[in-house]
Amino acid sequence: MIFFKQLIIVSAICLLSTALSSQLVHANYPMNKWSGHYLESELAKKDSLPLSAMKPYIIQAEQLYELPGFKEDTGIYYFDATHKLYGDNLIVIDKKDLFLTVDPILNLDIGIELSDPSEYADTAKFFLNTRGFLMRGSIGKKLSFETFFSENQLFVPLYQRGYMDRFDIAPGAGRHKPYQGVGYDLGYAGGLVSFQALPSWNLQFGHGKHFVGEGYRSVIFSDNITTYPYFRSSLQFFNGKMELTNMFASLQNLRRLPAGDSPESLFQRKAFSMNMISISPIKELRIGFIEGVMWQSYIAGSGDVDFEPRWLNPLPFFNSASLNWDEADNLFIGFDLAFKPMAKTTIYGQYLIDDRHTDRSSRQVGIKTADLFVDDLFLRVEYNESAFFTGAHEIPLQGLTHSNQPIAHPLGSGFNELIIQGSYKFDRWFVDISQQIVSHDKDVIQSNGVYSNFGVNPLEAHPAEIPEREATMLADLISSRVRIGYLFNPFNNFMAFLTFQSRRQSGDLFPTEKNALLSFGVKTDLFNHYYDF
């Protein structure tokens, strides 16, 4: 909490002055994968890469209104209702001193699990019911803002239920509470204030998510986790050839502090900082150097640790030089690379070092291309791997996690993953196809109830001696998904869709899990939620 108060003070100082304007002057472009395909297709048609490796991208006005979701719809509609349905935000306020849009957050998804062997097999139907709102706007030439809230009730497939019950978390959405026996209820909220201090310097304070890299996954930092309070600074140098990005966040463990005067004690907080330099020596190449630290801001049995100014150090690799890798602060270093060998094609990769003395590391390599053979066809092939115990720490509270989820890849550590994705858009119709092939380690609960930690779960402590592993501790996962749909409105991604997913997980020491899921729904596709684990 002390760390978070420091962020509030810094942000308040930075956001004191504004001027007047009549449209969005800059905005965070949505990170959701649907908009991401559109954005990546548009960016792929350019001969250069975005300078920043951190998403959401901060897009200035001159570029913002050329991108899907913000570009003016030139279609002809005969009724206001059809114009709102197909080509505009639900509410638009455009005045001299204020620009504001409001859109609904909606997700009504109903489906059936075709192979549920559990005690809930007679209730194999699952559904998601989400209602909420998203508000974006700007006040003046330098200040923009965004806020959203949604209420959710859901019944989930069997494999998701096991995950949610084990970790007490809805993937990427936060804590949940019981709903009608086998269902879940949760709220989801966030927002930000963005200040363009200089043409080359943007400051943001909010409660949200971030993603590092060009991949579907990130082995460094991902929006796989739920929202968190943060402060972000993005400063460009040398005529757009270099960018320094600093992010300071207040994360948490879902472990209660000792009971105080309140009827429900707070969760254990931990301070996190990430400094990144992105360099683009030529327009087709971007190199990123990242340093992150999970600072020890709480000690079990002692309480909060006093705030230290070095937690807010903005200089990359200064902490690496001053910290010992074996200290209570959990340090990691990452590298991010993106290269455009030809128009509309990007090769990318990442490498993370969690401990310089052992092979606690993660790697990624991938390629994506737009408009291959035909317009509006997007393809991606990506490989990710992580050594076991990557992200873990001798002190469990210091693991690279937030609200019981890894801050990078949803599988945590100890895995190899191949992802093949394709999407095609024709007019407003679209089809998405995804194939996931995974070999991953599994922690074992023995017949006597003893838990054997083999380094898959970063919530568990990194032991002094690494236990021996056997091939029988591996599990194989094959997951396929096909989604067909119709996009009504690109301004809020309102769509109708039909999805089929097939999933099979097997291993020598584990019972085979088979899932076949069929669902139909309508939604405004505004946020990422990863269920492919």
Protein backbone atom coordinates (compact mmCIF):
# COMPACT_ATOMS: atom_id res chain seq x y z
CA MET A 1 0.00 0.00 0.00
CA ILE A 2 2.91 2.36 0.70
CA PHE A 3 4.22 1.76 -2.81
CA PHE A 4 0.78 2.45 -4.29
CA LYS A 5 0.51 5.75 -2.40
CA GLN A 6 3.82 6.83 -3.93
CA LEU A 7 2.40 6.09 -7.39
CA ILE A 8 -0.65 8.24 -6.67
CA ILE A 9 1.54 11.19 -5.65
CA VAL A 10 3.73 10.90 -8.75
CA SER A 11 0.70 10.61 -11.04
CA ALA A 12 -1.12 13.55 -9.50
CA ILE A 13 1.88 15.80 -10.06
CA CYS A 14 2.09 14.71 -13.71
CA LEU A 15 -1.61 15.26 -14.51
CA LEU A 16 -2.17 18.84 -13.33
CA SER A 17 -2.63 20.79 -16.59
CA THR A 18 -4.94 20.34 -19.63
CA ALA A 19 -6.25 22.32 -22.63
CA LEU A 20 -9.30 22.03 -24.89
CA SER A 21 -10.10 19.79 -27.86
CA SER A 22 -13.06 18.26 -29.73
CA GLN A 23 -11.94 14.66 -30.35
CA LEU A 24 -9.76 11.95 -28.85
CA VAL A 25 -6.22 13.32 -28.95
CA HIS A 26 -4.64 9.96 -28.18
CA ALA A 27 -5.83 6.62 -26.85
CA ASN A 28 -4.72 3.15 -25.87
CA TYR A 29 -5.55 0.88 -28.78
CA PRO A 30 -7.45 -2.17 -27.41
CA MET A 31 -5.30 -5.23 -26.72
CA ASN A 32 -8.00 -7.78 -27.54
CA LYS A 33 -6.88 -10.30 -30.13
CA TRP A 34 -9.74 -9.47 -32.51
CA SER A 35 -8.74 -5.81 -32.79
CA GLY A 36 -5.14 -7.00 -32.64
CA HIS A 37 -5.51 -8.90 -35.91
CA TYR A 38 -6.95 -5.80 -37.58
CA LEU A 39 -4.25 -3.58 -36.10
CA GLU A 40 -1.47 -5.99 -36.98
CA SER A 41 -2.80 -6.24 -40.52
CA GLU A 42 -2.77 -2.45 -40.81
CA LEU A 43 0.69 -2.18 -39.25
CA ALA A 44 1.97 -5.02 -41.43
CA LYS A 45 1.11 -3.00 -44.53
CA LYS A 46 3.56 -0.35 -43.35
CA ASP A 47 7.29 -0.71 -43.91
CA SER A 48 8.20 -0.13 -40.25
CA LEU A 49 7.53 -1.63 -36.82
CA PRO A 50 5.90 0.09 -33.81
CA LEU A 51 8.67 1.52 -31.64
CA SER A 52 7.14 0.24 -28.41
CA ALA A 53 7.07 -3.43 -27.47
CA MET A 54 4.52 -2.77 -24.72
CA LYS A 55 0.80 -2.97 -25.41
CA PRO A 56 -1.67 -1.36 -25.36
CA TYR A 57 -0.11 0.88 -27.99
CA ILE A 58 -0.50 4.60 -27.34
CA ILE A 59 -1.82 5.93 -30.65
CA GLN A 60 -1.81 9.64 -31.48
CA ALA A 61 -4.80 11.35 -33.13
CA GLU A 62 -3.30 11.59 -36.61
CA GLN A 63 -2.93 7.78 -36.69
CA LEU A 64 -5.80 6.78 -34.42
CA TYR A 65 -8.60 7.72 -36.80
CA GLU A 66 -7.11 5.65 -39.61
CA LEU A 67 -7.41 2.41 -37.60
CA PRO A 68 -10.37 0.00 -37.31
CA GLY A 69 -12.67 0.86 -34.43
CA PHE A 70 -11.94 4.59 -34.68
CA LYS A 71 -12.04 5.26 -38.42
CA GLU A 72 -15.25 6.98 -39.53
CA ASP A 73 -17.83 4.63 -41.05
CA THR A 74 -18.80 5.90 -44.52
CA GLY A 75 -21.68 3.47 -44.96
CA ILE A 76 -25.19 4.75 -45.69
CA TYR A 77 -27.81 3.91 -43.06
CA TYR A 78 -31.45 4.92 -43.27
CA PHE A 79 -32.25 4.67 -39.56
CA ASP A 80 -30.45 5.88 -36.45
CA ALA A 81 -30.80 2.43 -34.90
CA THR A 82 -29.00 0.69 -37.77
CA HIS A 83 -26.29 3.38 -37.75
CA LYS A 84 -25.66 2.70 -34.06
CA LEU A 85 -25.73 -1.06 -34.61
CA TYR A 86 -23.31 -1.16 -37.55
CA GLY A 87 -21.21 1.99 -37.62
CA ASP A 88 -20.93 4.08 -34.45
CA ASN A 89 -20.46 4.11 -30.70
CA LEU A 90 -23.65 3.80 -28.69
CA ILE A 91 -23.31 7.30 -27.17
CA VAL A 92 -21.12 10.09 -28.57
CA ILE A 93 -20.69 13.52 -26.96
CA ASP A 94 -18.61 15.89 -29.08
CA LYS A 95 -18.28 19.41 -27.66
CA LYS A 96 -15.63 22.07 -27.68
CA ASP A 97 -14.17 21.02 -24.34
CA LEU A 98 -15.16 17.36 -24.21
CA PHE A 99 -15.18 14.26 -26.39
CA LEU A 100 -16.82 11.16 -24.91
CA THR A 101 -17.99 7.76 -26.16
CA VAL A 102 -19.92 5.13 -24.22
CA ASP A 103 -20.42 1.53 -25.33
CA PRO A 104 -21.99 -1.51 -23.69
CA ILE A 105 -19.94 -4.46 -22.53
CA LEU A 106 -21.98 -7.53 -23.40
CA ASN A 107 -21.23 -11.24 -23.55
CA LEU A 108 -24.08 -13.73 -23.72
CA ASP A 109 -22.52 -17.11 -24.49
CA ILE A 110 -24.32 -20.42 -24.07
CA GLY A 111 -22.90 -23.82 -24.86
CA ILE A 112 -22.73 -27.49 -24.05
CA GLU A 113 -19.88 -29.77 -23.03
CA LEU A 114 -20.29 -32.90 -25.11
CA SER A 115 -18.05 -35.08 -22.93
CA ASP A 116 -18.33 -34.34 -19.21
CA PRO A 117 -17.67 -37.44 -17.03
CA SER A 118 -17.90 -35.54 -13.75
CA GLU A 119 -20.65 -35.43 -11.16
CA TYR A 120 -22.00 -32.38 -13.01
CA ALA A 121 -22.54 -34.30 -16.26
CA ASP A 122 -26.29 -33.78 -16.05
CA THR A 123 -25.64 -30.03 -16.08
CA ALA A 124 -23.12 -30.01 -18.92
CA LYS A 125 -24.49 -26.76 -20.31
CA PHE A 126 -22.31 -23.75 -19.64
CA PHE A 127 -22.92 -20.07 -20.13
CA LEU A 128 -21.44 -16.65 -19.58
CA ASN A 129 -23.59 -13.62 -18.83
CA THR A 130 -21.67 -10.33 -18.84
CA ARG A 131 -23.15 -6.82 -18.63
CA GLY A 132 -21.30 -3.58 -18.27
CA PHE A 133 -20.07 -0.39 -19.93
CA LEU A 134 -16.93 1.09 -21.48
CA MET A 135 -16.36 4.85 -21.50
CA ARG A 136 -13.58 6.61 -23.43
CA GLY A 137 -12.95 10.30 -23.79
CA SER A 138 -10.65 13.28 -23.75
CA ILE A 139 -10.65 16.66 -22.00
CA GLY A 140 -8.32 19.08 -23.69
CA LYS A 141 -5.42 18.56 -26.01
CA LYS A 142 -3.35 16.49 -23.61
CA LEU A 143 -5.66 14.48 -21.37
CA SER A 144 -7.63 11.36 -22.23
CA PHE A 145 -9.31 8.76 -20.05
CA GLU A 146 -11.00 5.37 -20.09
CA THR A 147 -13.09 3.44 -17.58
CA PHE A 148 -15.03 0.18 -17.66
CA PHE A 149 -16.99 -2.13 -15.39
CA SER A 150 -18.75 -5.43 -15.88
CA GLU A 151 -20.74 -7.88 -13.77
CA ASN A 152 -20.40 -11.56 -14.66
CA GLN A 153 -22.14 -14.82 -13.88
CA LEU A 154 -20.76 -17.98 -15.43
CA PHE A 155 -20.98 -21.75 -15.53
CA VAL A 156 -17.78 -23.09 -17.07
CA PRO A 157 -16.59 -26.34 -18.70
CA LEU A 158 -15.05 -29.03 -16.54
CA TYR A 159 -11.37 -28.21 -17.17
CA GLN A 160 -11.90 -24.52 -16.41
CA ARG A 161 -13.79 -25.39 -13.23
CA GLY A 162 -10.80 -27.37 -11.97
CA TYR A 163 -8.50 -24.40 -12.57
CA MET A 164 -10.83 -21.87 -10.94
CA ASP A 165 -11.40 -24.02 -7.87
CA ARG A 166 -7.69 -24.75 -7.42
CA PHE A 167 -6.47 -21.16 -7.71
CA ASP A 168 -9.60 -19.29 -6.50
CA ILE A 169 -9.40 -17.08 -9.58
CA ALA A 170 -11.24 -16.59 -12.86
CA PRO A 171 -8.54 -16.56 -15.57
CA GLY A 172 -7.58 -12.95 -16.20
CA ALA A 173 -10.59 -11.59 -14.31
CA GLY A 174 -9.92 -11.85 -10.59
CA ARG A 175 -11.50 -13.46 -7.55
CA HIS A 176 -14.90 -15.09 -7.74
CA LYS A 177 -17.63 -16.19 -5.38
CA PRO A 178 -20.07 -19.12 -5.65
CA TYR A 179 -23.18 -18.76 -7.78
CA GLN A 180 -26.06 -21.25 -7.72
CA GLY A 181 -23.97 -24.19 -6.57
CA VAL A 182 -21.53 -24.90 -9.41
CA GLY A 183 -21.41 -21.42 -10.95
CA TYR A 184 -19.31 -18.33 -10.29
CA ASP A 185 -20.00 -14.63 -9.85
CA LEU A 186 -17.43 -11.87 -10.24
CA GLY A 187 -16.97 -8.21 -11.06
CA TYR A 188 -14.36 -6.82 -13.44
CA ALA A 189 -13.27 -3.18 -13.62
CA GLY A 190 -10.48 -0.89 -14.73
CA GLY A 191 -9.60 2.50 -16.13
CA LEU A 192 -6.85 4.99 -16.81
CA VAL A 193 -5.94 8.65 -17.15
CA SER A 194 -3.43 9.42 -19.92
CA PHE A 195 -1.47 12.68 -20.11
CA GLN A 196 0.58 13.71 -23.15
CA ALA A 197 3.14 15.84 -21.32
CA LEU A 198 5.22 16.36 -24.48
CA PRO A 199 4.83 15.14 -28.07
CA SER A 200 7.36 12.44 -27.20
CA TRP A 201 6.34 11.76 -23.57
CA ASN A 202 3.17 10.06 -22.35
CA LEU A 203 2.23 9.42 -18.72
CA GLN A 204 -0.53 7.09 -17.57
CA PHE A 205 -2.04 6.19 -14.25
CA GLY A 206 -4.67 3.51 -14.05
CA HIS A 207 -5.95 0.09 -13.13
CA GLY A 208 -5.44 -2.24 -16.07
CA LYS A 209 -3.22 -4.70 -17.95
CA HIS A 210 -0.17 -4.73 -20.21
CA PHE A 211 1.50 -7.07 -22.68
CA VAL A 212 5.11 -7.18 -23.90
CA GLY A 213 5.95 -8.48 -27.36
CA GLU A 214 4.54 -9.35 -30.77
CA GLY A 215 3.29 -12.85 -29.95
CA TYR A 216 0.01 -14.43 -29.00
CA ARG A 217 1.78 -15.30 -25.75
CA SER A 218 4.45 -13.39 -23.88
CA VAL A 219 7.11 -15.11 -21.80
CA ILE A 220 8.03 -11.77 -20.19
CA PHE A 221 4.79 -10.02 -19.16
CA SER A 222 1.23 -10.73 -20.29
CA ASP A 223 -2.39 -9.64 -19.97
CA ASN A 224 -3.07 -13.18 -18.76
CA ILE A 225 -3.47 -11.78 -15.22
CA THR A 226 -6.26 -9.64 -13.82
CA THR A 227 -6.10 -5.84 -13.58
CA TYR A 228 -3.79 -4.01 -11.15
CA PRO A 229 -2.95 -0.39 -10.18
CA TYR A 230 -0.07 0.99 -12.22
CA PHE A 231 1.86 4.04 -13.39
CA ARG A 232 3.39 4.00 -16.90
CA SER A 233 5.79 6.43 -18.54
CA SER A 234 6.70 6.25 -22.26
CA LEU A 235 9.44 8.62 -23.44
CA GLN A 236 10.90 8.64 -26.97
CA PHE A 237 14.39 9.83 -27.95
CA PHE A 238 16.46 10.43 -31.08
CA ASN A 239 13.62 11.24 -33.44
CA GLY A 240 11.65 8.10 -32.66
CA LYS A 241 14.60 5.69 -32.74
CA MET A 242 14.51 4.83 -29.02
CA GLU A 243 11.84 4.60 -26.33
CA LEU A 244 12.20 4.28 -22.57
CA THR A 245 9.17 2.67 -20.91
CA ASN A 246 8.77 2.46 -17.15
CA MET A 247 5.93 0.68 -15.39
CA PHE A 248 5.40 0.56 -11.64
CA ALA A 249 2.58 -1.64 -10.35
CA SER A 250 1.03 -2.82 -7.12
CA LEU A 251 0.41 -6.57 -7.38
CA GLN A 252 -0.93 -8.94 -4.75
CA ASN A 253 -0.96 -12.48 -3.41
CA LEU A 254 -4.33 -13.98 -2.53
CA ARG A 255 -3.19 -14.53 1.03
CA ARG A 256 -4.78 -12.49 3.78
CA LEU A 257 -2.89 -10.13 6.04
CA PRO A 258 -3.36 -10.65 9.78
CA ALA A 259 -6.86 -9.61 10.83
CA GLY A 260 -7.16 -5.97 11.81
CA ASP A 261 -10.07 -3.69 12.61
CA SER A 262 -11.87 -4.41 9.32
CA PRO A 263 -14.21 -7.42 9.08
CA GLU A 264 -12.23 -8.71 6.06
CA SER A 265 -8.45 -8.33 6.10
CA LEU A 266 -6.56 -7.17 3.01
CA PHE A 267 -4.41 -9.30 0.74
CA GLN A 268 -0.63 -9.25 0.80
CA ARG A 269 0.67 -6.59 -1.59
CA LYS A 270 3.94 -6.67 -3.50
CA ALA A 271 5.60 -3.89 -5.46
CA PHE A 272 6.63 -4.55 -9.06
CA SER A 273 8.68 -2.45 -11.46
CA MET A 274 9.62 -3.01 -15.10
CA ASN A 275 11.98 -0.82 -17.13
CA MET A 276 12.33 -1.33 -20.87
CA ILE A 277 14.39 0.26 -23.64
CA SER A 278 13.20 -0.28 -27.22
CA ILE A 279 15.66 0.57 -30.00
CA SER A 280 14.88 0.74 -33.71
CA PRO A 281 18.21 1.27 -35.55
CA ILE A 282 16.42 0.66 -38.87
CA LYS A 283 12.70 0.84 -39.53
CA GLU A 284 12.41 -2.95 -40.07
CA LEU A 285 14.03 -3.89 -36.74
CA ARG A 286 13.16 -3.38 -33.08
CA ILE A 287 15.22 -4.62 -30.15
CA GLY A 288 13.93 -4.47 -26.58
CA PHE A 289 15.85 -4.83 -23.32
CA ILE A 290 13.70 -5.41 -20.23
CA GLU A 291 14.44 -5.54 -16.53
CA GLY A 292 11.80 -6.44 -13.95
CA VAL A 293 11.85 -6.72 -10.16
CA MET A 294 9.27 -8.12 -7.78
CA TRP A 295 10.29 -6.10 -4.73
CA GLN A 296 9.85 -7.55 -1.27
CA SER A 297 7.30 -5.19 0.26
CA TYR A 298 5.91 -7.63 2.83
CA ILE A 299 7.57 -10.11 5.19
CA ALA A 300 5.48 -12.86 6.74
CA GLY A 301 5.41 -12.41 10.49
CA SER A 302 6.83 -8.87 10.32
CA GLY A 303 4.45 -6.97 8.06
CA ASP A 304 5.02 -4.28 5.43
CA VAL A 305 8.53 -3.32 4.38
CA ASP A 306 9.27 0.42 4.37
CA PHE A 307 9.19 2.05 0.95
CA GLU A 308 12.59 2.41 -0.71
CA PRO A 309 13.26 5.06 -3.41
CA ARG A 310 15.07 2.49 -5.57
CA TRP A 311 11.71 0.82 -6.22
CA LEU A 312 10.98 3.80 -8.50
CA ASN A 313 14.34 3.76 -10.29
CA PRO A 314 13.60 4.39 -14.01
CA LEU A 315 17.02 3.35 -15.39
CA PRO A 316 17.13 -0.14 -16.94
CA PHE A 317 19.74 -2.56 -15.57
CA PHE A 318 20.68 -0.30 -12.65
CA ASN A 319 18.83 -2.72 -10.38
CA SER A 320 20.59 -5.69 -12.00
CA ALA A 321 23.94 -4.12 -11.16
CA SER A 322 23.00 -3.29 -7.58
CA LEU A 323 21.00 -6.38 -6.61
CA ASN A 324 22.19 -9.89 -5.88
CA TRP A 325 20.19 -12.49 -7.83
CA ASP A 326 19.84 -14.47 -4.62
CA GLU A 327 18.21 -11.65 -2.63
CA ALA A 328 14.59 -11.58 -1.47
CA ASP A 329 13.78 -9.26 -4.39
CA ASN A 330 12.92 -11.40 -7.44
CA LEU A 331 14.85 -10.02 -10.44
CA PHE A 332 14.54 -11.02 -14.09
CA ILE A 333 15.97 -9.79 -17.40
CA GLY A 334 14.27 -10.10 -20.76
CA PHE A 335 15.03 -9.51 -24.43
CA ASP A 336 12.45 -8.86 -27.14
CA LEU A 337 13.13 -8.84 -30.89
CA ALA A 338 10.95 -8.07 -33.93
CA PHE A 339 12.07 -7.97 -37.56
CA LYS A 340 10.23 -7.40 -40.85
CA PRO A 341 12.14 -9.30 -43.55
CA MET A 342 9.50 -8.37 -46.11
CA ALA A 343 6.27 -6.42 -46.39
CA LYS A 344 3.43 -7.72 -44.20
CA THR A 345 5.58 -10.34 -42.43
CA THR A 346 7.12 -10.12 -38.94
CA ILE A 347 9.53 -12.53 -37.27
CA TYR A 348 9.68 -12.12 -33.49
CA GLY A 349 11.15 -13.68 -30.38
CA GLN A 350 11.75 -13.30 -26.65
CA TYR A 351 14.18 -14.59 -24.06
CA LEU A 352 13.80 -14.31 -20.29
CA ILE A 353 16.46 -15.03 -17.66
CA ASP A 354 15.10 -15.59 -14.16
CA ASP A 355 18.33 -16.84 -12.62
CA ARG A 356 21.80 -16.45 -14.11
CA HIS A 357 23.12 -19.46 -12.14
CA THR A 358 20.58 -22.05 -13.35
CA ASP A 359 18.46 -22.73 -16.42
CA ARG A 360 15.43 -20.88 -15.08
CA SER A 361 14.55 -19.21 -18.36
CA SER A 362 11.86 -18.92 -21.05
CA ARG A 363 12.04 -18.56 -24.83
CA GLN A 364 9.75 -17.65 -27.71
CA VAL A 365 10.07 -17.57 -31.49
CA GLY A 366 7.31 -16.84 -33.98
CA ILE A 367 6.30 -15.53 -37.37
CA LYS A 368 3.10 -13.76 -38.43
CA THR A 369 1.95 -12.49 -41.77
CA ALA A 370 -1.01 -10.54 -43.11
CA ASP A 371 -2.76 -10.63 -46.49
CA LEU A 372 -1.01 -13.89 -47.41
CA PHE A 373 -2.29 -15.07 -50.83
CA VAL A 374 -5.53 -13.09 -50.33
CA ASP A 375 -6.47 -9.86 -48.57
CA ASP A 376 -7.54 -10.01 -44.90
CA LEU A 377 -5.93 -13.40 -44.24
CA PHE A 378 -3.80 -13.43 -41.07
CA LEU A 379 -1.54 -16.35 -40.10
CA ARG A 380 0.70 -17.00 -37.09
CA VAL A 381 3.05 -19.82 -36.06
CA GLU A 382 4.59 -19.53 -32.59
CA TYR A 383 6.70 -21.68 -30.28
CA ASN A 384 7.10 -21.07 -26.54
CA GLU A 385 9.03 -22.94 -23.87
CA SER A 386 9.93 -22.43 -20.24
CA ALA A 387 12.17 -24.36 -17.85
CA PHE A 388 10.65 -25.58 -14.60
CA PHE A 389 10.80 -23.27 -11.57
CA THR A 390 11.02 -20.20 -13.84
CA GLY A 391 9.31 -17.37 -11.97
CA ALA A 392 9.43 -19.16 -8.62
CA HIS A 393 11.34 -17.89 -5.61
CA GLU A 394 12.64 -19.30 -2.34
CA ILE A 395 10.06 -17.04 -0.67
CA PRO A 396 6.64 -18.02 -2.12
CA LEU A 397 5.30 -14.46 -1.76
CA GLN A 398 8.02 -13.26 -4.16
CA GLY A 399 7.06 -15.47 -7.10
CA LEU A 400 6.37 -13.74 -10.43
CA THR A 401 2.61 -13.89 -9.94
CA HIS A 402 -0.40 -11.67 -9.40
CA SER A 403 -3.63 -12.91 -7.82
CA ASN A 404 -2.52 -16.55 -8.08
CA GLN A 405 -1.64 -16.37 -11.79
CA PRO A 406 1.79 -16.18 -13.51
CA ILE A 407 2.51 -12.70 -14.86
CA ALA A 408 3.72 -14.17 -18.18
CA HIS A 409 2.54 -17.43 -19.76
CA PRO A 410 -0.67 -18.96 -18.29
CA LEU A 411 0.99 -22.40 -18.06
CA GLY A 412 3.57 -20.99 -15.64
CA SER A 413 6.75 -22.96 -16.30
CA GLY A 414 7.95 -26.38 -17.38
CA PHE A 415 6.33 -26.56 -20.83
CA ASN A 416 6.84 -26.60 -24.59
CA GLU A 417 4.05 -25.11 -26.70
CA LEU A 418 3.36 -24.81 -30.42
CA ILE A 419 0.55 -22.48 -31.56
CA ILE A 420 -0.79 -22.22 -35.11
CA GLN A 421 -3.47 -19.60 -35.79
CA GLY A 422 -5.30 -18.27 -38.79
CA SER A 423 -8.08 -15.76 -39.32
CA TYR A 424 -9.90 -14.63 -42.42
CA LYS A 425 -12.35 -11.78 -42.86
CA PHE A 426 -14.75 -11.36 -45.75
CA ASP A 427 -16.84 -8.20 -45.53
CA ARG A 428 -18.24 -8.52 -41.99
CA TRP A 429 -17.97 -12.33 -41.81
CA PHE A 430 -14.95 -13.93 -40.19
CA VAL A 431 -13.48 -17.30 -39.27
CA ASP A 432 -10.75 -17.98 -36.68
CA ILE A 433 -8.85 -21.25 -36.40
CA SER A 434 -6.38 -22.14 -33.64
CA GLN A 435 -4.30 -25.25 -32.93
CA GLN A 436 -2.34 -25.69 -29.68
CA ILE A 437 0.09 -28.56 -28.99
CA VAL A 438 1.69 -28.63 -25.54
CA SER A 439 3.98 -30.90 -23.56
CA HIS A 440 4.16 -29.73 -19.97
CA ASP A 441 5.31 -30.85 -16.55
CA LYS A 442 2.79 -31.54 -13.82
CA ASP A 443 3.20 -31.32 -10.08
CA VAL A 444 2.17 -34.54 -8.34
CA ILE A 445 -0.09 -35.16 -5.36
CA GLN A 446 0.94 -38.62 -4.19
CA SER A 447 -1.44 -41.31 -2.95
CA ASN A 448 -0.59 -40.41 0.65
CA GLY A 449 -1.65 -36.81 -0.02
CA VAL A 450 1.88 -35.40 -0.06
CA TYR A 451 2.38 -32.63 -2.63
CA SER A 452 5.53 -32.95 -4.76
CA ASN A 453 6.67 -29.60 -6.13
CA PHE A 454 8.34 -30.05 -9.51
CA GLY A 455 8.46 -26.39 -10.43
CA VAL A 456 5.31 -25.89 -12.50
CA ASN A 457 3.49 -23.57 -10.12
CA PRO A 458 5.31 -20.26 -9.36
CA LEU A 459 3.10 -19.87 -6.28
CA GLU A 460 5.19 -22.60 -4.65
CA ALA A 461 8.64 -21.98 -3.20
CA HIS A 462 11.77 -22.76 -5.18
CA PRO A 463 13.45 -25.52 -3.10
CA ALA A 464 17.12 -25.46 -2.15
CA GLU A 465 17.62 -28.73 -4.03
CA ILE A 466 15.84 -29.44 -7.31
CA PRO A 467 14.02 -32.81 -7.19
CA GLU A 468 14.73 -35.39 -9.84
CA ARG A 469 12.22 -35.54 -12.65
CA GLU A 470 10.95 -38.38 -14.77
CA ALA A 471 9.37 -38.45 -18.23
CA THR A 472 6.20 -39.92 -16.69
CA MET A 473 5.58 -36.55 -15.00
CA LEU A 474 4.84 -35.00 -18.39
CA ALA A 475 1.37 -34.39 -19.78
CA ASP A 476 0.43 -33.75 -23.40
CA LEU A 477 -2.27 -31.27 -24.39
CA ILE A 478 -3.82 -30.90 -27.84
CA SER A 479 -6.47 -28.22 -28.28
CA SER A 480 -8.24 -27.08 -31.45
CA ARG A 481 -10.74 -24.27 -31.88
CA VAL A 482 -12.83 -22.99 -34.77
CA ARG A 483 -14.93 -19.83 -34.52
CA ILE A 484 -17.24 -18.48 -37.21
CA GLY A 485 -19.01 -15.18 -36.77
CA TYR A 486 -20.39 -11.91 -38.05
CA LEU A 487 -19.05 -8.52 -36.95
CA PHE A 488 -21.85 -6.00 -36.62
CA ASN A 489 -19.91 -3.03 -35.30
CA PRO A 490 -16.11 -2.44 -35.44
CA PHE A 491 -16.39 0.47 -32.98
CA ASN A 492 -17.18 -1.86 -30.08
CA ASN A 493 -16.54 -5.27 -31.74
CA PHE A 494 -20.17 -6.30 -31.36
CA MET A 495 -20.45 -9.72 -33.00
CA ALA A 496 -22.37 -12.98 -33.15
CA PHE A 497 -20.35 -16.19 -33.20
CA LEU A 498 -20.42 -19.99 -33.17
CA THR A 499 -17.45 -21.79 -31.57
CA PHE A 500 -16.32 -25.41 -31.44
CA GLN A 501 -13.38 -26.48 -29.28
CA SER A 502 -11.80 -29.90 -28.90
CA ARG A 503 -9.33 -30.51 -26.08
CA ARG A 504 -7.42 -33.62 -24.96
CA GLN A 505 -4.89 -33.89 -22.13
CA SER A 506 -3.14 -37.15 -21.27
CA GLY A 507 -0.10 -38.50 -19.40
CA ASP A 508 1.28 -41.68 -17.87
CA LEU A 509 0.51 -40.58 -14.31
CA PHE A 510 -2.67 -38.63 -15.01
CA PRO A 511 -6.16 -39.58 -16.17
CA THR A 512 -6.96 -38.58 -19.74
CA GLU A 513 -9.16 -35.50 -20.01
CA LYS A 514 -11.32 -35.03 -23.09
CA ASN A 515 -13.43 -31.96 -23.77
CA ALA A 516 -15.63 -31.16 -26.74
CA LEU A 517 -17.31 -27.77 -26.43
CA LEU A 518 -19.92 -26.16 -28.66
CA SER A 519 -21.21 -22.65 -27.97
CA PHE A 520 -23.09 -19.75 -29.52
CA GLY A 521 -23.25 -16.17 -28.40
CA VAL A 522 -23.21 -12.44 -28.99
CA LYS A 523 -20.71 -10.09 -27.41
CA THR A 524 -18.70 -6.92 -27.60
CA ASP A 525 -15.21 -8.41 -27.89
CA LEU A 526 -13.17 -5.87 -25.93
CA PHE A 527 -10.89 -7.87 -23.61
CA ASN A 528 -8.65 -10.93 -23.76
CA HIS A 529 -9.40 -13.95 -21.64
CA TYR A 530 -7.16 -16.98 -22.11
CA TYR A 531 -8.82 -20.37 -21.65
CA ASP A 532 -6.27 -22.37 -23.67
CA PHE A 533 -4.32 -23.91 -20.80
